Amino acid sequence: MLAVFFNLSRQRQIAAIALPMVLSNLCVPLLGLVDTAVVGHLNDARYLGGVALGGSVISLVYFLFSFLRMSTTGLTAQAHGRNSEAETIHCLQQGISLALVLSIVLLCAQQPIAQLLIYFSDASTDVTSQAVIYFKLRIWSAPATLVNLVLMGWFLGKQNARYPMWMLLWGNIINIVLDLLFVMGLNWRTEGVALASVLADYATLLLAMYLLHKSAGAQIFSALKPRAFNLQGSRQLLALNRDIFLRSLCLQAVFVFIAFQGATYGDNIVAANAVLLSFLMLVSYALDGLAYAAESLVGRAIGRNNVTELSANLGILALWCLILSLLFSLSYALLGHNFVALLTSIVSVQQQAAQYLNWMILLPLVASWAYLLDGVFIGATQGKQLRNSMLLALLGFMLCFYLLSHWQNHALWAALCVFMALRSVILAYYLLQQWRQQLFFGIRLKSANV
């Protein structure tokens, strides 16, 4: 098995998918860092807190629909492994159809969602009002955001990581430039941060359509006309989306809880948590690049019914995951205080963030395996296991927080560590069960020499 790590051909195959996604994914949290840094230098914590709170809600809303990318990647990768082009087109049709329907639902429901934000927020009136301003502008990117998720998933399922990379890089460059123009140049503050993101999402959609035409030709658009949209007979897609939706709901519930509970400890605490969560987002997006590769590679191996390919890919991805998590922990240990200072010049927020920095040194080592294993189970289209593991981890998070609630904000960070650890352990248990049964989601392990 160790020989797999020195197989340069195999390493290059995996790197062709993993490295573009790791590098491009790093740009996504960099956008969050720019958002934080831009409003963090406005000398008033209400803007930073408002963008953090409103951003948490919009992240919840959009992340709940991340199943559009995940299910499209897994199903397309398996169809691609079976060399069935018709199936891959069908996956794209169903994904875009569902994305458009859901985006209309979101636009119609924006006012009730904003009212829920106000109702459940314990932040100050100033912070809440800024959060609502951000949300009501940002929600108008829904059609572009959801369709982009489907297109990224489809490209990844087809083993093409370059196009999603260009989509992410293009969108983030546009967003950062508009952030600086609207906030620093035109002094639009919260409105400027939100509007920059909306325009960047639609710019990304235009690029994605060009890339789709380039990769599949003009005939792909005739296959995607409304008459081709038909959700009937897509039970596997809908069941998988349901389970991943519930999984995503649990995951985002944790981060929204952290944002809202942190707000009860004061504006400086919610702002400090926003800064530190930007560190975690940097880790998660980098390691999600490996997870995306796992989705694509595992799905293809299952479609080919090739356990040797599957085993080799998992081994290499696990090694890369360990290396990346160690690098992040070391960076935060050595340079964490400098990173905080880059993100905000508000001294009180810097002081609060410094008290919780040790949690950020620990989290990459704990959370990395959860991200990678998510990718494995998505590629295998095993939504049930993903759903169950996340539900159990959420229960563990809430139990830990309430047992340690006298620690206040430290309790939030301790509970987050427990949450990530439980996700990793439970998914690893499911995976170990598969190997022990010599059957990995339809592939009989004893049929190949690994």
Protein backbone atom coordinates (compact mmCIF):
# COMPACT_ATOMS: atom_id res chain seq x y z
CA MET A 1 0.00 0.00 0.00
CA LEU A 2 2.89 2.37 0.77
CA ALA A 3 4.01 2.01 -2.84
CA VAL A 4 0.90 3.99 -3.83
CA PHE A 5 2.39 7.13 -2.31
CA PHE A 6 5.40 6.87 -4.63
CA ASN A 7 3.38 6.17 -7.75
CA LEU A 8 4.07 9.38 -9.70
CA SER A 9 1.51 8.60 -12.36
CA ARG A 10 -1.23 8.19 -9.76
CA GLN A 11 -0.07 11.31 -7.92
CA ARG A 12 -0.27 13.35 -11.12
CA GLN A 13 -3.78 12.09 -11.87
CA ILE A 14 -4.99 13.11 -8.43
CA ALA A 15 -3.08 16.40 -8.48
CA ALA A 16 -4.77 17.34 -11.76
CA ILE A 17 -8.09 17.45 -9.87
CA ALA A 18 -7.06 18.19 -6.28
CA LEU A 19 -4.55 21.03 -6.74
CA PRO A 20 -6.76 23.31 -8.88
CA MET A 21 -9.58 22.91 -6.36
CA VAL A 22 -7.34 23.48 -3.33
CA LEU A 23 -5.76 26.60 -4.83
CA SER A 24 -9.03 28.05 -6.15
CA ASN A 25 -10.92 27.21 -2.97
CA LEU A 26 -8.36 29.19 -1.00
CA CYS A 27 -9.61 32.25 -2.86
CA VAL A 28 -13.13 31.79 -1.47
CA PRO A 29 -12.27 32.44 2.19
CA LEU A 30 -9.84 35.14 1.03
CA LEU A 31 -12.94 36.95 -0.17
CA GLY A 32 -14.39 36.57 3.31
CA LEU A 33 -11.13 37.90 4.72
CA VAL A 34 -11.33 40.91 2.40
CA ASP A 35 -14.96 41.52 3.42
CA THR A 36 -13.93 41.33 7.07
CA ALA A 37 -10.87 43.52 6.57
CA VAL A 38 -12.75 46.17 4.57
CA VAL A 39 -15.54 46.64 7.12
CA GLY A 40 -13.17 45.93 10.02
CA HIS A 41 -11.34 49.16 9.27
CA LEU A 42 -14.45 51.37 9.37
CA ASN A 43 -13.85 52.11 13.07
CA ASP A 44 -17.28 50.88 14.14
CA ALA A 45 -17.88 47.26 15.18
CA ARG A 46 -21.54 47.37 14.06
CA TYR A 47 -20.55 47.07 10.39
CA LEU A 48 -18.26 44.13 11.04
CA GLY A 49 -20.84 42.49 13.30
CA GLY A 50 -23.64 43.18 10.81
CA VAL A 51 -21.79 41.69 7.85
CA ALA A 52 -20.80 38.71 10.02
CA LEU A 53 -24.39 38.12 11.18
CA GLY A 54 -25.98 38.74 7.79
CA GLY A 55 -23.27 36.66 6.16
CA SER A 56 -24.01 33.79 8.54
CA VAL A 57 -27.66 33.82 7.50
CA ILE A 58 -26.95 34.03 3.77
CA SER A 59 -24.35 31.28 4.17
CA LEU A 60 -26.98 29.15 5.86
CA VAL A 61 -29.47 29.80 3.06
CA TYR A 62 -27.02 29.06 0.25
CA PHE A 63 -25.18 26.27 1.98
CA LEU A 64 -28.44 24.44 2.55
CA PHE A 65 -28.58 24.13 -1.22
CA SER A 66 -24.99 23.00 -1.64
CA PHE A 67 -26.48 19.56 -2.29
CA LEU A 68 -26.97 20.84 -5.85
CA ARG A 69 -23.22 20.72 -6.41
CA MET A 70 -22.56 17.63 -4.31
CA SER A 71 -25.23 15.38 -5.78
CA THR A 72 -24.40 16.55 -9.30
CA THR A 73 -20.71 15.72 -8.77
CA GLY A 74 -21.32 12.25 -7.34
CA LEU A 75 -23.94 11.17 -9.86
CA THR A 76 -22.11 12.67 -12.84
CA ALA A 77 -18.80 11.09 -11.79
CA GLN A 78 -20.38 7.65 -11.57
CA ALA A 79 -22.07 8.12 -14.96
CA HIS A 80 -18.76 9.33 -16.40
CA GLY A 81 -17.05 6.23 -14.98
CA ARG A 82 -19.63 4.13 -16.85
CA ASN A 83 -18.91 6.15 -20.04
CA SER A 84 -22.57 7.15 -20.27
CA GLU A 85 -22.72 10.64 -21.79
CA ALA A 86 -26.53 10.57 -21.84
CA GLU A 87 -26.59 10.06 -18.07
CA THR A 88 -24.21 12.98 -17.49
CA ILE A 89 -26.45 15.29 -19.55
CA HIS A 90 -29.46 14.07 -17.58
CA CYS A 91 -27.68 14.95 -14.31
CA LEU A 92 -27.05 18.46 -15.62
CA GLN A 93 -30.67 18.87 -16.75
CA GLN A 94 -32.11 17.83 -13.43
CA GLY A 95 -29.65 19.91 -11.42
CA ILE A 96 -30.29 23.15 -13.30
CA SER A 97 -34.05 22.57 -13.21
CA LEU A 98 -34.01 22.17 -9.46
CA ALA A 99 -31.68 25.15 -9.00
CA LEU A 100 -34.01 27.49 -10.88
CA VAL A 101 -37.07 26.35 -8.94
CA LEU A 102 -35.32 26.76 -5.60
CA SER A 103 -33.97 30.21 -6.49
CA ILE A 104 -37.51 31.43 -7.19
CA VAL A 105 -38.62 30.06 -3.82
CA LEU A 106 -35.78 31.91 -2.08
CA LEU A 107 -36.57 35.24 -3.74
CA CYS A 108 -40.23 34.91 -2.77
CA ALA A 109 -39.31 34.03 0.83
CA GLN A 110 -36.74 36.77 1.44
CA GLN A 111 -38.98 38.90 3.67
CA PRO A 112 -39.97 36.06 6.04
CA ILE A 113 -36.33 35.00 6.30
CA ALA A 114 -35.30 38.57 7.14
CA GLN A 115 -37.98 38.71 9.83
CA LEU A 116 -36.64 35.48 11.33
CA LEU A 117 -33.18 37.04 11.41
CA ILE A 118 -34.53 39.99 13.40
CA TYR A 119 -36.60 37.76 15.69
CA PHE A 120 -33.86 35.35 16.66
CA SER A 121 -30.96 37.81 16.84
CA ASP A 122 -29.82 38.90 20.29
CA ALA A 123 -27.33 41.36 18.82
CA SER A 124 -27.72 45.11 19.24
CA THR A 125 -30.20 46.98 17.06
CA ASP A 126 -27.33 48.57 15.13
CA VAL A 127 -25.76 45.21 14.27
CA THR A 128 -29.12 43.61 13.37
CA SER A 129 -30.11 46.47 11.07
CA GLN A 130 -26.84 46.15 9.17
CA ALA A 131 -27.34 42.39 8.93
CA VAL A 132 -30.79 42.84 7.36
CA ILE A 133 -29.43 45.36 4.84
CA TYR A 134 -26.74 42.86 3.81
CA PHE A 135 -29.17 39.94 3.54
CA LYS A 136 -31.83 41.71 1.47
CA LEU A 137 -29.30 42.72 -1.15
CA ARG A 138 -27.30 39.49 -1.16
CA ILE A 139 -30.32 37.21 -1.69
CA TRP A 140 -30.77 38.55 -5.25
CA SER A 141 -27.79 36.51 -6.35
CA ALA A 142 -29.75 33.28 -5.68
CA PRO A 143 -30.42 32.26 -9.32
CA ALA A 144 -26.78 32.70 -10.32
CA THR A 145 -25.41 31.13 -7.14
CA LEU A 146 -27.52 27.96 -7.34
CA VAL A 147 -26.98 27.37 -11.06
CA ASN A 148 -23.25 27.93 -10.56
CA LEU A 149 -23.27 25.16 -7.95
CA VAL A 150 -24.77 22.73 -10.45
CA LEU A 151 -22.31 23.67 -13.19
CA MET A 152 -19.33 23.34 -10.87
CA GLY A 153 -20.55 19.93 -9.76
CA TRP A 154 -21.02 18.81 -13.34
CA PHE A 155 -17.54 19.89 -14.40
CA LEU A 156 -16.02 18.11 -11.40
CA GLY A 157 -18.00 14.96 -12.10
CA LYS A 158 -16.56 15.01 -15.62
CA GLN A 159 -13.06 15.08 -14.03
CA ASN A 160 -12.51 18.69 -15.10
CA ALA A 161 -11.23 20.73 -12.14
CA ARG A 162 -9.86 23.56 -14.27
CA TYR A 163 -13.24 25.05 -15.15
CA PRO A 164 -14.49 25.23 -11.53
CA MET A 165 -11.12 26.77 -10.67
CA TRP A 166 -11.59 29.49 -13.27
CA MET A 167 -15.13 30.09 -12.04
CA LEU A 168 -13.99 30.53 -8.45
CA LEU A 169 -10.98 32.67 -9.33
CA TRP A 170 -12.97 34.92 -11.66
CA GLY A 171 -15.83 35.38 -9.21
CA ASN A 172 -13.55 36.18 -6.31
CA ILE A 173 -11.38 38.60 -8.25
CA ILE A 174 -14.47 40.49 -9.41
CA ASN A 175 -15.85 40.45 -5.87
CA ILE A 176 -12.67 41.74 -4.26
CA VAL A 177 -12.25 44.54 -6.79
CA LEU A 178 -15.87 45.62 -6.34
CA ASP A 179 -15.51 45.37 -2.54
CA LEU A 180 -12.63 47.84 -2.59
CA LEU A 181 -14.42 50.11 -5.07
CA PHE A 182 -17.80 50.18 -3.34
CA VAL A 183 -16.67 50.24 0.30
CA MET A 184 -13.30 51.95 0.32
CA GLY A 185 -13.87 54.11 -2.76
CA LEU A 186 -17.57 54.98 -2.67
CA ASN A 187 -18.11 54.47 1.10
CA TRP A 188 -21.19 52.28 0.58
CA ARG A 189 -20.27 50.17 3.64
CA THR A 190 -22.57 47.18 4.20
CA GLU A 191 -24.48 47.80 0.97
CA GLY A 192 -21.24 47.84 -0.98
CA VAL A 193 -20.09 44.46 0.39
CA ALA A 194 -23.43 42.84 -0.50
CA LEU A 195 -23.73 44.38 -3.97
CA ALA A 196 -20.18 43.35 -4.85
CA SER A 197 -21.05 39.72 -4.12
CA VAL A 198 -24.26 39.82 -6.17
CA LEU A 199 -22.57 41.23 -9.26
CA ALA A 200 -19.67 38.77 -8.92
CA ASP A 201 -22.05 35.80 -8.83
CA TYR A 202 -23.71 36.81 -12.09
CA ALA A 203 -20.32 37.45 -13.69
CA THR A 204 -19.34 33.92 -12.67
CA LEU A 205 -22.50 32.51 -14.28
CA LEU A 206 -21.64 34.18 -17.58
CA LEU A 207 -18.18 32.63 -17.49
CA ALA A 208 -19.64 29.21 -16.60
CA MET A 209 -21.96 29.31 -19.61
CA TYR A 210 -19.02 30.12 -21.86
CA LEU A 211 -17.03 27.21 -20.40
CA LEU A 212 -20.01 24.88 -20.84
CA HIS A 213 -20.26 25.85 -24.50
CA LYS A 214 -16.51 25.38 -24.89
CA SER A 215 -16.49 21.92 -23.35
CA ALA A 216 -19.71 20.44 -24.73
CA GLY A 217 -20.49 22.54 -27.79
CA ALA A 218 -23.62 24.46 -28.75
CA GLN A 219 -25.71 21.27 -28.75
CA ILE A 220 -25.57 21.15 -24.95
CA PHE A 221 -27.86 24.20 -24.77
CA SER A 222 -30.53 22.58 -26.94
CA ALA A 223 -30.50 19.67 -24.50
CA LEU A 224 -31.05 22.13 -21.66
CA LYS A 225 -34.16 23.83 -23.02
CA PRO A 226 -37.11 23.97 -20.59
CA ARG A 227 -38.89 21.13 -22.37
CA ALA A 228 -35.99 18.85 -21.38
CA PHE A 229 -36.47 19.58 -17.68
CA ASN A 230 -38.25 16.70 -16.01
CA LEU A 231 -37.90 15.80 -12.36
CA GLN A 232 -40.08 12.73 -12.67
CA GLY A 233 -38.20 9.50 -12.36
CA SER A 234 -35.33 11.17 -10.46
CA ARG A 235 -35.86 9.42 -7.15
CA GLN A 236 -32.14 8.83 -6.59
CA LEU A 237 -31.37 12.51 -7.15
CA LEU A 238 -34.15 13.72 -4.86
CA ALA A 239 -33.37 11.20 -2.10
CA LEU A 240 -29.68 12.09 -2.22
CA ASN A 241 -30.48 15.80 -2.22
CA ARG A 242 -32.82 15.33 0.75
CA ASP A 243 -30.14 13.64 2.83
CA ILE A 244 -27.42 16.12 1.89
CA PHE A 245 -29.84 18.97 2.59
CA LEU A 246 -30.41 17.69 6.11
CA ARG A 247 -26.67 17.21 6.52
CA SER A 248 -26.05 20.81 5.39
CA LEU A 249 -28.82 22.09 7.64
CA CYS A 250 -27.11 20.57 10.69
CA LEU A 251 -23.73 21.93 9.66
CA GLN A 252 -24.93 25.47 9.11
CA ALA A 253 -27.04 25.34 12.27
CA VAL A 254 -23.80 24.99 14.20
CA PHE A 255 -22.22 28.08 12.64
CA VAL A 256 -25.38 30.17 12.88
CA PHE A 257 -25.67 29.14 16.54
CA ILE A 258 -22.10 30.30 17.11
CA ALA A 259 -22.84 33.66 15.47
CA PHE A 260 -26.08 34.24 17.38
CA GLN A 261 -24.85 32.90 20.72
CA GLY A 262 -21.66 34.93 20.39
CA ALA A 263 -23.80 38.02 19.85
CA THR A 264 -25.26 37.56 23.34
CA TYR A 265 -21.76 38.07 24.77
CA GLY A 266 -21.40 41.51 23.15
CA ASP A 267 -20.60 43.17 19.82
CA ASN A 268 -16.86 42.74 20.28
CA ILE A 269 -17.23 38.99 20.86
CA VAL A 270 -19.37 38.44 17.75
CA ALA A 271 -16.85 40.49 15.75
CA ALA A 272 -13.90 38.52 17.19
CA ASN A 273 -15.63 35.23 16.40
CA ALA A 274 -16.17 36.45 12.83
CA VAL A 275 -12.44 37.08 12.51
CA LEU A 276 -11.52 33.64 13.87
CA LEU A 277 -14.17 31.85 11.82
CA SER A 278 -12.51 33.40 8.78
CA PHE A 279 -9.42 31.39 9.78
CA LEU A 280 -11.49 28.21 9.94
CA MET A 281 -13.11 28.97 6.62
CA LEU A 282 -9.63 29.20 5.10
CA VAL A 283 -8.92 25.69 6.40
CA SER A 284 -12.27 24.29 5.32
CA TYR A 285 -12.10 25.64 1.79
CA ALA A 286 -8.54 24.38 1.26
CA LEU A 287 -9.42 20.93 2.56
CA ASP A 288 -12.71 21.01 0.69
CA GLY A 289 -10.53 21.13 -2.41
CA LEU A 290 -9.35 17.64 -1.44
CA ALA A 291 -12.95 16.67 -0.67
CA TYR A 292 -14.03 17.80 -4.15
CA ALA A 293 -11.27 15.63 -5.61
CA ALA A 294 -12.47 12.73 -3.46
CA GLU A 295 -16.05 13.19 -4.73
CA SER A 296 -14.91 13.09 -8.34
CA LEU A 297 -12.35 10.30 -8.01
CA VAL A 298 -14.43 8.04 -5.74
CA GLY A 299 -17.48 8.47 -7.97
CA ARG A 300 -15.49 7.56 -11.08
CA ALA A 301 -13.90 4.52 -9.40
CA ILE A 302 -17.33 3.27 -8.32
CA GLY A 303 -18.71 3.84 -11.82
CA ARG A 304 -15.81 1.76 -13.16
CA ASN A 305 -16.18 -0.80 -10.37
CA ASN A 306 -12.42 -0.46 -9.80
CA VAL A 307 -11.39 -1.00 -6.17
CA THR A 308 -7.65 -0.72 -6.92
CA GLU A 309 -8.14 2.81 -8.25
CA LEU A 310 -10.40 3.64 -5.30
CA SER A 311 -7.99 2.42 -2.65
CA ALA A 312 -4.97 4.15 -4.18
CA ASN A 313 -6.80 7.48 -4.48
CA LEU A 314 -8.02 7.37 -0.88
CA GLY A 315 -4.53 6.69 0.43
CA ILE A 316 -2.97 9.62 -1.41
CA LEU A 317 -5.78 12.01 -0.48
CA ALA A 318 -5.44 11.04 3.20
CA LEU A 319 -1.72 11.83 3.12
CA TRP A 320 -2.34 15.22 1.51
CA CYS A 321 -5.05 15.94 4.08
CA LEU A 322 -2.66 15.30 6.95
CA ILE A 323 0.04 17.51 5.46
CA LEU A 324 -2.33 20.43 4.84
CA SER A 325 -3.86 20.27 8.33
CA LEU A 326 -0.39 20.33 9.93
CA LEU A 327 0.63 23.33 7.82
CA PHE A 328 -2.46 25.29 8.87
CA SER A 329 -2.03 24.53 12.56
CA LEU A 330 1.63 25.53 12.45
CA SER A 331 0.82 28.77 10.59
CA TYR A 332 -1.81 29.77 13.13
CA ALA A 333 0.51 28.93 16.03
CA LEU A 334 3.30 31.12 14.65
CA LEU A 335 1.42 33.93 12.91
CA GLY A 336 -2.10 33.91 14.36
CA HIS A 337 -1.82 37.29 16.09
CA ASN A 338 -0.49 38.87 12.90
CA PHE A 339 -3.42 37.47 10.92
CA VAL A 340 -5.89 38.97 13.40
CA ALA A 341 -4.22 42.38 13.10
CA LEU A 342 -4.51 42.22 9.31
CA LEU A 343 -8.25 41.63 9.52
CA THR A 344 -9.21 44.34 11.99
CA SER A 345 -7.66 47.46 13.45
CA ILE A 346 -10.22 47.63 16.28
CA VAL A 347 -8.12 47.03 19.40
CA SER A 348 -10.96 45.63 21.52
CA VAL A 349 -11.77 43.06 18.82
CA GLN A 350 -8.08 42.10 18.53
CA GLN A 351 -7.90 41.55 22.28
CA GLN A 352 -10.99 39.35 22.28
CA ALA A 353 -9.77 37.28 19.33
CA ALA A 354 -6.41 36.66 21.03
CA GLN A 355 -8.17 34.90 23.93
CA TYR A 356 -9.55 32.19 21.64
CA LEU A 357 -6.68 31.78 19.19
CA ASN A 358 -5.54 28.44 20.65
CA TRP A 359 -8.77 26.83 19.46
CA MET A 360 -7.81 27.77 15.91
CA ILE A 361 -4.49 25.96 16.29
CA LEU A 362 -6.32 22.76 17.30
CA LEU A 363 -9.22 22.85 14.85
CA PRO A 364 -7.38 22.07 11.58
CA LEU A 365 -6.06 18.80 13.05
CA VAL A 366 -9.51 17.80 14.30
CA ALA A 367 -11.64 18.94 11.36
CA SER A 368 -9.53 17.88 8.38
CA TRP A 369 -10.74 14.27 8.33
CA ALA A 370 -14.39 15.30 8.41
CA TYR A 371 -13.93 17.33 5.23
CA LEU A 372 -12.15 14.51 3.39
CA LEU A 373 -14.61 11.81 4.45
CA ASP A 374 -17.51 14.01 3.39
CA GLY A 375 -16.05 13.94 -0.10
CA VAL A 376 -15.69 10.15 -0.04
CA PHE A 377 -19.32 9.56 0.90
CA ILE A 378 -20.63 12.19 -1.54
CA GLY A 379 -18.70 10.54 -4.37
CA ALA A 380 -20.22 7.23 -3.32
CA THR A 381 -23.66 8.98 -3.28
CA GLN A 382 -24.25 7.67 0.26
CA GLY A 383 -26.37 10.52 1.61
CA LYS A 384 -27.87 8.49 4.45
CA GLN A 385 -24.53 8.04 6.21
CA LEU A 386 -23.70 11.72 5.76
CA ARG A 387 -27.06 12.71 7.23
CA ASN A 388 -26.81 10.38 10.22
CA SER A 389 -23.24 11.35 11.08
CA MET A 390 -24.11 15.05 11.02
CA LEU A 391 -27.20 14.59 13.18
CA LEU A 392 -25.15 12.75 15.81
CA ALA A 393 -22.38 15.34 15.67
CA LEU A 394 -24.92 18.15 16.10
CA LEU A 395 -26.26 16.46 19.23
CA GLY A 396 -22.71 16.20 20.53
CA PHE A 397 -22.13 19.89 19.82
CA MET A 398 -25.21 21.00 21.74
CA LEU A 399 -24.51 18.69 24.67
CA CYS A 400 -20.91 19.88 24.95
CA PHE A 401 -21.93 23.55 24.81
CA TYR A 402 -24.56 23.26 27.51
CA LEU A 403 -22.32 21.21 29.77
CA LEU A 404 -19.60 23.86 29.45
CA SER A 405 -21.86 26.91 29.09
CA HIS A 406 -20.24 28.57 32.12
CA TRP A 407 -17.14 28.96 29.91
CA GLN A 408 -19.24 31.28 27.71
CA ASN A 409 -17.45 31.89 24.39
CA HIS A 410 -14.81 29.24 25.13
CA ALA A 411 -17.71 26.76 25.37
CA LEU A 412 -18.66 27.57 21.77
CA TRP A 413 -15.17 26.80 20.51
CA ALA A 414 -14.85 23.63 22.61
CA ALA A 415 -18.20 22.40 21.29
CA LEU A 416 -17.08 23.12 17.72
CA CYS A 417 -14.00 20.93 18.24
CA VAL A 418 -16.21 18.12 19.57
CA PHE A 419 -18.55 18.52 16.60
CA MET A 420 -15.73 18.19 14.06
CA ALA A 421 -14.21 15.22 15.90
CA LEU A 422 -17.54 13.37 15.99
CA ARG A 423 -18.07 13.88 12.27
CA SER A 424 -14.66 12.37 11.57
CA VAL A 425 -15.06 9.42 13.92
CA ILE A 426 -18.57 8.46 12.79
CA LEU A 427 -17.79 8.60 9.07
CA ALA A 428 -14.56 6.68 9.65
CA TYR A 429 -16.60 4.02 11.46
CA TYR A 430 -18.99 3.72 8.50
CA LEU A 431 -16.04 3.44 6.14
CA LEU A 432 -14.34 0.80 8.29
CA GLN A 433 -17.55 -1.23 8.30
CA GLN A 434 -17.51 -1.26 4.51
CA TRP A 435 -13.93 -2.52 4.35
CA ARG A 436 -14.55 -5.21 6.95
CA GLN A 437 -17.49 -6.48 4.91
CA GLN A 438 -15.20 -6.52 1.84
CA LEU A 439 -17.82 -4.49 0.03
CA PHE A 440 -17.34 -0.79 -0.64
CA PHE A 441 -20.70 0.59 -1.81
CA GLY A 442 -21.07 -2.05 -4.49
CA ILE A 443 -17.39 -2.82 -5.15
CA ARG A 444 -16.24 -6.19 -3.80
CA LEU A 445 -12.81 -5.60 -2.29
CA LYS A 446 -11.62 -9.19 -2.51
CA SER A 447 -11.98 -9.06 -6.27
CA ALA A 448 -8.82 -7.02 -6.73
CA ASN A 449 -5.29 -6.97 -5.43
CA VAL A 450 -4.72 -3.81 -3.40
